[in-house]
Amino acid sequence: MSTLPGARLYHDGQLSGRREHVPVFLGRAQAEPVDAELRAFYAWLLPRAAALRGTWRLLDLPAPLVGWAWDDDEVVVNLSDAPAGGLGPWGYRVP
């Protein structure tokens, strides 16, 4: 969702590696260990997502792959539990 057009919404603590979403009306959270791998992922993702510019378009990919592109960047997601690949519309193979 960070690479799609529109508002980018994150729950309190998500960027620092917390997985549990705490409803706003609750106002407190249980102690939860920080997920260092998740925190590192957001540290990698956010600068790249913020740099996306231009026109967004949906890519035509074989199932179970779904993808979209901005002017200079593409995002491809495998929606299955198994490895998948195919030939992308831009002419190179998606692993």
PDB file of N, CA and C in Angstrom:
ATOM      1  N   MET A   1       0.814  -1.181   0.000  1.00  0.00           N
ATOM      2  CA  MET A   1       0.000   0.000   0.000  1.00  0.00           C
ATOM      3  C   MET A   1       0.861   1.249   0.000  1.00  0.00           C
ATOM      4  N   SER A   2       2.091   1.121   0.409  1.00  0.00           N
ATOM      5  CA  SER A   2       2.981   2.292   0.413  1.00  0.00           C
ATOM      6  C   SER A   2       3.373   2.725  -0.993  1.00  0.00           C
ATOM      7  N   THR A   3       3.185   1.850  -1.977  1.00  0.00           N
ATOM      8  CA  THR A   3       3.586   2.186  -3.342  1.00  0.00           C
ATOM      9  C   THR A   3       2.394   2.506  -4.239  1.00  0.00           C
ATOM     10  N   LEU A   4       1.187   2.558  -3.683  1.00  0.00           N
ATOM     11  CA  LEU A   4      -0.015   2.900  -4.440  1.00  0.00           C
ATOM     12  C   LEU A   4      -0.306   4.395  -4.308  1.00  0.00           C
ATOM     13  N   PRO A   5      -1.021   4.974  -5.270  1.00  0.00           N
ATOM     14  CA  PRO A   5      -1.361   6.386  -5.158  1.00  0.00           C
ATOM     15  C   PRO A   5      -2.352   6.620  -4.023  1.00  0.00           C
ATOM     16  N   GLY A   6      -2.288   7.788  -3.430  1.00  0.00           N
ATOM     17  CA  GLY A   6      -3.206   8.141  -2.354  1.00  0.00           C
ATOM     18  C   GLY A   6      -2.488   8.281  -1.031  1.00  0.00           C
ATOM     19  N   ALA A   7      -3.273   8.459   0.006  1.00  0.00           N
ATOM     20  CA  ALA A   7      -2.709   8.649   1.348  1.00  0.00           C
ATOM     21  C   ALA A   7      -2.052   7.369   1.832  1.00  0.00           C
ATOM     22  N   ARG A   8      -0.961   7.518   2.521  1.00  0.00           N
ATOM     23  CA  ARG A   8      -0.253   6.383   3.109  1.00  0.00           C
ATOM     24  C   ARG A   8      -0.476   6.434   4.614  1.00  0.00           C
ATOM     25  N   LEU A   9      -1.230   5.485   5.116  1.00  0.00           N
ATOM     26  CA  LEU A   9      -1.606   5.476   6.530  1.00  0.00           C
ATOM     27  C   LEU A   9      -0.924   4.319   7.248  1.00  0.00           C
ATOM     28  N   TYR A  10      -0.348   4.612   8.391  1.00  0.00           N
ATOM     29  CA  TYR A  10       0.330   3.606   9.209  1.00  0.00           C
ATOM     30  C   TYR A  10      -0.206   3.714  10.625  1.00  0.00           C
ATOM     31  N   HIS A  11      -0.305   2.578  11.310  1.00  0.00           N
ATOM     32  CA  HIS A  11      -0.778   2.642  12.690  1.00  0.00           C
ATOM     33  C   HIS A  11       0.365   3.016  13.622  1.00  0.00           C
ATOM     34  N   ASP A  12       0.004   3.530  14.773  1.00  0.00           N
ATOM     35  CA  ASP A  12       0.982   3.974  15.765  1.00  0.00           C
ATOM     36  C   ASP A  12       1.895   2.812  16.139  1.00  0.00           C
ATOM     37  N   GLY A  13       3.181   2.973  15.945  1.00  0.00           N
ATOM     38  CA  GLY A  13       4.157   1.950  16.268  1.00  0.00           C
ATOM     39  C   GLY A  13       4.532   1.050  15.101  1.00  0.00           C
ATOM     40  N   GLN A  14       3.806   1.096  14.012  1.00  0.00           N
ATOM     41  CA  GLN A  14       4.064   0.219  12.875  1.00  0.00           C
ATOM     42  C   GLN A  14       5.464   0.426  12.300  1.00  0.00           C
ATOM     43  N   LEU A  15       5.885   1.653  12.148  1.00  0.00           N
ATOM     44  CA  LEU A  15       7.192   1.936  11.557  1.00  0.00           C
ATOM     45  C   LEU A  15       8.347   1.572  12.483  1.00  0.00           C
ATOM     46  N   SER A  16       8.055   1.448  13.761  1.00  0.00           N
ATOM     47  CA  SER A  16       9.108   1.057  14.700  1.00  0.00           C
ATOM     48  C   SER A  16       9.079  -0.435  14.995  1.00  0.00           C
ATOM     49  N   GLY A  17       8.313  -1.214  14.210  1.00  0.00           N
ATOM     50  CA  GLY A  17       8.368  -2.668  14.318  1.00  0.00           C
ATOM     51  C   GLY A  17       7.280  -3.301  15.162  1.00  0.00           C
ATOM     52  N   ARG A  18       6.245  -2.571  15.502  1.00  0.00           N
ATOM     53  CA  ARG A  18       5.128  -3.157  16.257  1.00  0.00           C
ATOM     54  C   ARG A  18       4.095  -3.696  15.283  1.00  0.00           C
ATOM     55  N   ARG A  19       3.599  -4.893  15.545  1.00  0.00           N
ATOM     56  CA  ARG A  19       2.632  -5.530  14.649  1.00  0.00           C
ATOM     57  C   ARG A  19       1.196  -5.313  15.105  1.00  0.00           C
ATOM     58  N   GLU A  20       0.965  -5.133  16.382  1.00  0.00           N
ATOM     59  CA  GLU A  20      -0.382  -5.022  16.933  1.00  0.00           C
ATOM     60  C   GLU A  20      -0.946  -3.627  16.718  1.00  0.00           C
ATOM     61  N   HIS A  21      -2.088  -3.548  16.031  1.00  0.00           N
ATOM     62  CA  HIS A  21      -2.762  -2.268  15.832  1.00  0.00           C
ATOM     63  C   HIS A  21      -3.643  -2.000  17.037  1.00  0.00           C
ATOM     64  N   VAL A  22      -3.424  -0.888  17.683  1.00  0.00           N
ATOM     65  CA  VAL A  22      -4.203  -0.518  18.861  1.00  0.00           C
ATOM     66  C   VAL A  22      -5.265   0.492  18.434  1.00  0.00           C
ATOM     67  N   PRO A  23      -6.549   0.188  18.648  1.00  0.00           N
ATOM     68  CA  PRO A  23      -7.593   1.151  18.292  1.00  0.00           C
ATOM     69  C   PRO A  23      -7.387   2.482  19.016  1.00  0.00           C
ATOM     70  N   VAL A  24      -7.700   3.567  18.341  1.00  0.00           N
ATOM     71  CA  VAL A  24      -7.496   4.900  18.889  1.00  0.00           C
ATOM     72  C   VAL A  24      -8.253   5.084  20.194  1.00  0.00           C
ATOM     73  N   PHE A  25      -9.457   4.566  20.264  1.00  0.00           N
ATOM     74  CA  PHE A  25     -10.268   4.782  21.468  1.00  0.00           C
ATOM     75  C   PHE A  25      -9.740   4.014  22.669  1.00  0.00           C
ATOM     76  N   LEU A  26      -8.897   3.002  22.475  1.00  0.00           N
ATOM     77  CA  LEU A  26      -8.352   2.243  23.598  1.00  0.00           C
ATOM     78  C   LEU A  26      -7.280   3.051  24.331  1.00  0.00           C
ATOM     79  N   GLY A  27      -6.400   3.681  23.581  1.00  0.00           N
ATOM     80  CA  GLY A  27      -5.423   4.590  24.159  1.00  0.00           C
ATOM     81  C   GLY A  27      -4.240   3.951  24.859  1.00  0.00           C
ATOM     82  N   ARG A  28      -4.146   2.638  24.866  1.00  0.00           N
ATOM     83  CA  ARG A  28      -2.985   1.984  25.481  1.00  0.00           C
ATOM     84  C   ARG A  28      -2.765   0.645  24.785  1.00  0.00           C
ATOM     85  N   ALA A  29      -1.539   0.183  24.837  1.00  0.00           N
ATOM     86  CA  ALA A  29      -1.193  -1.082  24.178  1.00  0.00           C
ATOM     87  C   ALA A  29      -0.504  -2.013  25.152  1.00  0.00           C
ATOM     88  N   GLN A  30      -0.648  -3.299  24.907  1.00  0.00           N
ATOM     89  CA  GLN A  30       0.091  -4.276  25.698  1.00  0.00           C
ATOM     90  C   GLN A  30       1.558  -4.213  25.303  1.00  0.00           C
ATOM     91  N   ALA A  31       2.409  -4.676  26.215  1.00  0.00           N
ATOM     92  CA  ALA A  31       3.830  -4.745  25.889  1.00  0.00           C
ATOM     93  C   ALA A  31       4.012  -5.726  24.736  1.00  0.00           C
ATOM     94  N   GLU A  32       4.770  -5.304  23.757  1.00  0.00           N
ATOM     95  CA  GLU A  32       4.978  -6.123  22.571  1.00  0.00           C
ATOM     96  C   GLU A  32       6.443  -6.020  22.167  1.00  0.00           C
ATOM     97  N   PRO A  33       7.096  -7.139  21.912  1.00  0.00           N
ATOM     98  CA  PRO A  33       8.487  -7.056  21.463  1.00  0.00           C
ATOM     99  C   PRO A  33       8.556  -6.414  20.086  1.00  0.00           C
ATOM    100  N   VAL A  34       9.563  -5.609  19.871  1.00  0.00           N
ATOM    101  CA  VAL A  34       9.747  -4.937  18.585  1.00  0.00           C
ATOM    102  C   VAL A  34      10.298  -5.948  17.586  1.00  0.00           C
ATOM    103  N   ASP A  35       9.725  -5.970  16.405  1.00  0.00           N
ATOM    104  CA  ASP A  35      10.173  -6.844  15.329  1.00  0.00           C
ATOM    105  C   ASP A  35      11.244  -6.101  14.534  1.00  0.00           C
ATOM    106  N   ALA A  36      12.511  -6.439  14.773  1.00  0.00           N
ATOM    107  CA  ALA A  36      13.626  -5.728  14.141  1.00  0.00           C
ATOM    108  C   ALA A  36      13.610  -5.884  12.624  1.00  0.00           C
ATOM    109  N   GLU A  37      13.191  -7.035  12.125  1.00  0.00           N
ATOM    110  CA  GLU A  37      13.129  -7.263  10.686  1.00  0.00           C
ATOM    111  C   GLU A  37      12.063  -6.368  10.046  1.00  0.00           C
ATOM    112  N   LEU A  38      10.925  -6.223  10.714  1.00  0.00           N
ATOM    113  CA  LEU A  38       9.868  -5.352  10.205  1.00  0.00           C
ATOM    114  C   LEU A  38      10.301  -3.890  10.223  1.00  0.00           C
ATOM    115  N   ARG A  39      10.977  -3.476  11.283  1.00  0.00           N
ATOM    116  CA  ARG A  39      11.478  -2.103  11.363  1.00  0.00           C
ATOM    117  C   ARG A  39      12.477  -1.819  10.237  1.00  0.00           C
ATOM    118  N   ALA A  40      13.361  -2.782   9.967  1.00  0.00           N
ATOM    119  CA  ALA A  40      14.337  -2.627   8.885  1.00  0.00           C
ATOM    120  C   ALA A  40      13.638  -2.556   7.526  1.00  0.00           C
ATOM    121  N   PHE A  41      12.561  -3.338   7.348  1.00  0.00           N
ATOM    122  CA  PHE A  41      11.808  -3.294   6.094  1.00  0.00           C
ATOM    123  C   PHE A  41      11.224  -1.908   5.860  1.00  0.00           C
ATOM    124  N   TYR A  42      10.608  -1.305   6.888  1.00  0.00           N
ATOM    125  CA  TYR A  42      10.037   0.030   6.724  1.00  0.00           C
ATOM    126  C   TYR A  42      11.124   1.079   6.508  1.00  0.00           C
ATOM    127  N   ALA A  43      12.279   0.916   7.130  1.00  0.00           N
ATOM    128  CA  ALA A  43      13.392   1.838   6.904  1.00  0.00           C
ATOM    129  C   ALA A  43      13.853   1.762   5.454  1.00  0.00           C
ATOM    130  N   TRP A  44      13.765   0.589   4.848  1.00  0.00           N
ATOM    131  CA  TRP A  44      14.125   0.419   3.436  1.00  0.00           C
ATOM    132  C   TRP A  44      13.009   0.939   2.524  1.00  0.00           C
ATOM    133  N   LEU A  45      11.743   0.648   2.861  1.00  0.00           N
ATOM    134  CA  LEU A  45      10.611   0.954   1.997  1.00  0.00           C
ATOM    135  C   LEU A  45      10.260   2.439   1.916  1.00  0.00           C
ATOM    136  N   LEU A  46      10.196   3.122   3.040  1.00  0.00           N
ATOM    137  CA  LEU A  46       9.660   4.482   3.061  1.00  0.00           C
ATOM    138  C   LEU A  46      10.407   5.473   2.169  1.00  0.00           C
ATOM    139  N   PRO A  47      11.735   5.496   2.153  1.00  0.00           N
ATOM    140  CA  PRO A  47      12.406   6.440   1.236  1.00  0.00           C
ATOM    141  C   PRO A  47      12.096   6.139  -0.232  1.00  0.00           C
ATOM    142  N   ARG A  48      11.970   4.855  -0.565  1.00  0.00           N
ATOM    143  CA  ARG A  48      11.660   4.489  -1.939  1.00  0.00           C
ATOM    144  C   ARG A  48      10.234   4.868  -2.306  1.00  0.00           C
ATOM    145  N   ALA A  49       9.296   4.630  -1.410  1.00  0.00           N
ATOM    146  CA  ALA A  49       7.896   4.977  -1.663  1.00  0.00           C
ATOM    147  C   ALA A  49       7.721   6.487  -1.794  1.00  0.00           C
ATOM    148  N   ALA A  50       8.448   7.250  -0.995  1.00  0.00           N
ATOM    149  CA  ALA A  50       8.344   8.708  -1.038  1.00  0.00           C
ATOM    150  C   ALA A  50       8.903   9.273  -2.344  1.00  0.00           C
ATOM    151  N   ALA A  51       9.796   8.534  -2.998  1.00  0.00           N
ATOM    152  CA  ALA A  51      10.430   9.018  -4.221  1.00  0.00           C
ATOM    153  C   ALA A  51       9.623   8.694  -5.483  1.00  0.00           C
ATOM    154  N   LEU A  52       8.537   7.924  -5.368  1.00  0.00           N
ATOM    155  CA  LEU A  52       7.738   7.560  -6.537  1.00  0.00           C
ATOM    156  C   LEU A  52       7.053   8.797  -7.101  1.00  0.00           C
ATOM    157  N   ARG A  53       7.207   9.016  -8.391  1.00  0.00           N
ATOM    158  CA  ARG A  53       6.646  10.190  -9.049  1.00  0.00           C
ATOM    159  C   ARG A  53       6.079   9.803 -10.404  1.00  0.00           C
ATOM    160  N   GLY A  54       5.231  10.637 -10.919  1.00  0.00           N
ATOM    161  CA  GLY A  54       4.740  10.450 -12.271  1.00  0.00           C
ATOM    162  C   GLY A  54       3.360   9.838 -12.317  1.00  0.00           C
ATOM    163  N   THR A  55       3.110   9.102 -13.386  1.00  0.00           N
ATOM    164  CA  THR A  55       1.808   8.508 -13.645  1.00  0.00           C
ATOM    165  C   THR A  55       1.797   7.055 -13.201  1.00  0.00           C
ATOM    166  N   TRP A  56       0.768   6.675 -12.455  1.00  0.00           N
ATOM    167  CA  TRP A  56       0.601   5.300 -11.992  1.00  0.00           C
ATOM    168  C   TRP A  56      -0.191   4.523 -13.028  1.00  0.00           C
ATOM    169  N   ARG A  57       0.196   3.253 -13.258  1.00  0.00           N
ATOM    170  CA  ARG A  57      -0.573   2.396 -14.152  1.00  0.00           C
ATOM    171  C   ARG A  57      -0.501   0.947 -13.678  1.00  0.00           C
ATOM    172  N   LEU A  58      -1.570   0.201 -13.922  1.00  0.00           N
ATOM    173  CA  LEU A  58      -1.644  -1.211 -13.585  1.00  0.00           C
ATOM    174  C   LEU A  58      -0.960  -2.012 -14.676  1.00  0.00           C
ATOM    175  N   LEU A  59      -0.168  -3.026 -14.287  1.00  0.00           N
ATOM    176  CA  LEU A  59       0.522  -3.871 -15.263  1.00  0.00           C
ATOM    177  C   LEU A  59      -0.310  -5.111 -15.552  1.00  0.00           C
ATOM    178  N   ASP A  60      -0.228  -5.609 -16.770  1.00  0.00           N
ATOM    179  CA  ASP A  60      -0.927  -6.826 -17.181  1.00  0.00           C
ATOM    180  C   ASP A  60       0.011  -8.006 -16.970  1.00  0.00           C
ATOM    181  N   LEU A  61      -0.169  -8.742 -15.874  1.00  0.00           N
ATOM    182  CA  LEU A  61       0.698  -9.863 -15.521  1.00  0.00           C
ATOM    183  C   LEU A  61      -0.122 -11.135 -15.385  1.00  0.00           C
ATOM    184  N   PRO A  62       0.515 -12.304 -15.572  1.00  0.00           N
ATOM    185  CA  PRO A  62      -0.204 -13.560 -15.379  1.00  0.00           C
ATOM    186  C   PRO A  62      -0.465 -13.813 -13.894  1.00  0.00           C
ATOM    187  N   ALA A  63      -1.604 -14.457 -13.588  1.00  0.00           N
ATOM    188  CA  ALA A  63      -1.916 -14.813 -12.197  1.00  0.00           C
ATOM    189  C   ALA A  63      -0.864 -15.793 -11.701  1.00  0.00           C
ATOM    190  N   PRO A  64      -0.474 -15.775 -10.467  1.00  0.00           N
ATOM    191  CA  PRO A  64      -0.980 -15.004  -9.337  1.00  0.00           C
ATOM    192  C   PRO A  64      -0.208 -13.709  -9.103  1.00  0.00           C
ATOM    193  N   LEU A  65       0.461 -13.211 -10.134  1.00  0.00           N
ATOM    194  CA  LEU A  65       1.225 -11.969  -9.989  1.00  0.00           C
ATOM    195  C   LEU A  65       0.329 -10.769 -10.240  1.00  0.00           C
ATOM    196  N   VAL A  66       0.543  -9.716  -9.483  1.00  0.00           N
ATOM    197  CA  VAL A  66      -0.135  -8.450  -9.710  1.00  0.00           C
ATOM    198  C   VAL A  66       0.945  -7.380  -9.640  1.00  0.00           C
ATOM    199  N   GLY A  67       0.823  -6.381 -10.471  1.00  0.00           N
ATOM    200  CA  GLY A  67       1.862  -5.366 -10.478  1.00  0.00           C
ATOM    201  C   GLY A  67       1.352  -4.029 -10.956  1.00  0.00           C
ATOM    202  N   TRP A  68       2.113  -3.004 -10.619  1.00  0.00           N
ATOM    203  CA  TRP A  68       1.801  -1.650 -11.043  1.00  0.00           C
ATOM    204  C   TRP A  68       3.103  -0.913 -11.234  1.00  0.00           C
ATOM    205  N   ALA A  69       3.029   0.198 -11.909  1.00  0.00           N
ATOM    206  CA  ALA A  69       4.252   0.939 -12.222  1.00  0.00           C
ATOM    207  C   ALA A  69       3.997   2.429 -12.123  1.00  0.00           C
ATOM    208  N   TRP A  70       5.051   3.126 -11.786  1.00  0.00           N
ATOM    209  CA  TRP A  70       5.097   4.570 -11.895  1.00  0.00           C
ATOM    210  C   TRP A  70       5.942   4.848 -13.124  1.00  0.00           C
ATOM    211  N   ASP A  71       6.304   6.061 -13.411  1.00  0.00           N
ATOM    212  CA  ASP A  71       7.051   6.361 -14.624  1.00  0.00           C
ATOM    213  C   ASP A  71       8.341   5.549 -14.744  1.00  0.00           C
ATOM    214  N   ASP A  72       9.112   5.438 -13.673  1.00  0.00           N
ATOM    215  CA  ASP A  72      10.415   4.770 -13.745  1.00  0.00           C
ATOM    216  C   ASP A  72      10.541   3.542 -12.852  1.00  0.00           C
ATOM    217  N   ASP A  73       9.513   3.171 -12.100  1.00  0.00           N
ATOM    218  CA  ASP A  73       9.612   2.070 -11.151  1.00  0.00           C
ATOM    219  C   ASP A  73       8.434   1.122 -11.298  1.00  0.00           C
ATOM    220  N   GLU A  74       8.699  -0.178 -11.102  1.00  0.00           N
ATOM    221  CA  GLU A  74       7.657  -1.181 -11.132  1.00  0.00           C
ATOM    222  C   GLU A  74       7.612  -1.912  -9.803  1.00  0.00           C
ATOM    223  N   VAL A  75       6.409  -2.348  -9.418  1.00  0.00           N
ATOM    224  CA  VAL A  75       6.203  -3.160  -8.223  1.00  0.00           C
ATOM    225  C   VAL A  75       5.436  -4.395  -8.671  1.00  0.00           C
ATOM    226  N   VAL A  76       5.958  -5.587  -8.348  1.00  0.00           N
ATOM    227  CA  VAL A  76       5.286  -6.842  -8.675  1.00  0.00           C
ATOM    228  C   VAL A  76       5.140  -7.633  -7.389  1.00  0.00           C
ATOM    229  N   VAL A  77       3.924  -8.160  -7.151  1.00  0.00           N
ATOM    230  CA  VAL A  77       3.621  -8.900  -5.928  1.00  0.00           C
ATOM    231  C   VAL A  77       3.083 -10.273  -6.309  1.00  0.00           C
ATOM    232  N   ASN A  78       3.592 -11.305  -5.641  1.00  0.00           N
ATOM    233  CA  ASN A  78       3.101 -12.663  -5.822  1.00  0.00           C
ATOM    234  C   ASN A  78       2.022 -12.898  -4.773  1.00  0.00           C
ATOM    235  N   LEU A  79       0.781 -13.146  -5.186  1.00  0.00           N
ATOM    236  CA  LEU A  79      -0.332 -13.317  -4.260  1.00  0.00           C
ATOM    237  C   LEU A  79      -0.526 -14.763  -3.811  1.00  0.00           C
ATOM    238  N   SER A  80       0.328 -15.680  -4.252  1.00  0.00           N
ATOM    239  CA  SER A  80       0.191 -17.075  -3.844  1.00  0.00           C
ATOM    240  C   SER A  80       1.215 -17.422  -2.778  1.00  0.00           C
ATOM    241  N   ASP A  81       1.059 -18.599  -2.201  1.00  0.00           N
ATOM    242  CA  ASP A  81       2.012 -19.085  -1.203  1.00  0.00           C
ATOM    243  C   ASP A  81       3.220 -19.749  -1.847  1.00  0.00           C
ATOM    244  N   ALA A  82       3.145 -20.005  -3.146  1.00  0.00           N
ATOM    245  CA  ALA A  82       4.212 -20.695  -3.863  1.00  0.00           C
ATOM    246  C   ALA A  82       4.981 -19.714  -4.741  1.00  0.00           C
ATOM    247  N   PRO A  83       6.227 -20.054  -5.084  1.00  0.00           N
ATOM    248  CA  PRO A  83       6.966 -19.197  -6.012  1.00  0.00           C
ATOM    249  C   PRO A  83       6.228 -19.100  -7.344  1.00  0.00           C
ATOM    250  N   ALA A  84       6.293 -17.946  -7.975  1.00  0.00           N
ATOM    251  CA  ALA A  84       5.630 -17.728  -9.263  1.00  0.00           C
ATOM    252  C   ALA A  84       6.479 -16.789 -10.095  1.00  0.00           C
ATOM    253  N   GLY A  85       6.313 -16.861 -11.381  1.00  0.00           N
ATOM    254  CA  GLY A  85       7.046 -15.984 -12.273  1.00  0.00           C
ATOM    255  C   GLY A  85       6.314 -15.849 -13.580  1.00  0.00           C
ATOM    256  N   GLY A  86       6.815 -15.000 -14.440  1.00  0.00           N
ATOM    257  CA  GLY A  86       6.182 -14.795 -15.737  1.00  0.00           C
ATOM    258  C   GLY A  86       6.932 -13.740 -16.508  1.00  0.00           C
ATOM    259  N   LEU A  87       6.475 -13.478 -17.708  1.00  0.00           N
ATOM    260  CA  LEU A  87       7.086 -12.461 -18.547  1.00  0.00           C
ATOM    261  C   LEU A  87       6.288 -11.180 -18.396  1.00  0.00           C
ATOM    262  N   GLY A  88       6.927 -10.153 -17.922  1.00  0.00           N
ATOM    263  CA  GLY A  88       6.257  -8.884 -17.697  1.00  0.00           C
ATOM    264  C   GLY A  88       5.989  -8.147 -19.001  1.00  0.00           C
ATOM    265  N   PRO A  89       5.071  -7.187 -18.978  1.00  0.00           N
ATOM    266  CA  PRO A  89       4.732  -6.453 -20.193  1.00  0.00           C
ATOM    267  C   PRO A  89       5.887  -5.599 -20.720  1.00  0.00           C
ATOM    268  N   TRP A  90       6.864  -5.339 -19.883  1.00  0.00           N
ATOM    269  CA  TRP A  90       8.006  -4.518 -20.291  1.00  0.00           C
ATOM    270  C   TRP A  90       9.080  -5.378 -20.944  1.00  0.00           C
ATOM    271  N   GLY A  91       8.868  -6.731 -21.022  1.00  0.00           N
ATOM    272  CA  GLY A  91       9.749  -7.584 -21.799  1.00  0.00           C
ATOM    273  C   GLY A  91      10.787  -8.376 -21.035  1.00  0.00           C
ATOM    274  N   TYR A  92      10.909  -8.255 -19.739  1.00  0.00           N
ATOM    275  CA  TYR A  92      11.869  -9.086 -19.025  1.00  0.00           C
ATOM    276  C   TYR A  92      11.145  -9.983 -18.038  1.00  0.00           C
ATOM    277  N   ARG A  93      11.820 -11.052 -17.671  1.00  0.00           N
ATOM    278  CA  ARG A  93      11.217 -12.096 -16.856  1.00  0.00           C
ATOM    279  C   ARG A  93      11.104 -11.674 -15.403  1.00  0.00           C
ATOM    280  N   VAL A  94       9.936 -11.951 -14.816  1.00  0.00           N
ATOM    281  CA  VAL A  94       9.698 -11.725 -13.391  1.00  0.00           C
ATOM    282  C   VAL A  94      10.031 -13.028 -12.676  1.00  0.00           C
ATOM    283  N   PRO A  95      10.994 -13.034 -11.749  1.00  0.00           N
ATOM    284  CA  PRO A  95      11.359 -14.296 -11.080  1.00  0.00           C
ATOM    285  C   PRO A  95      10.239 -14.831 -10.208  1.00  0.00           C
TER     286      PRO A  95
END
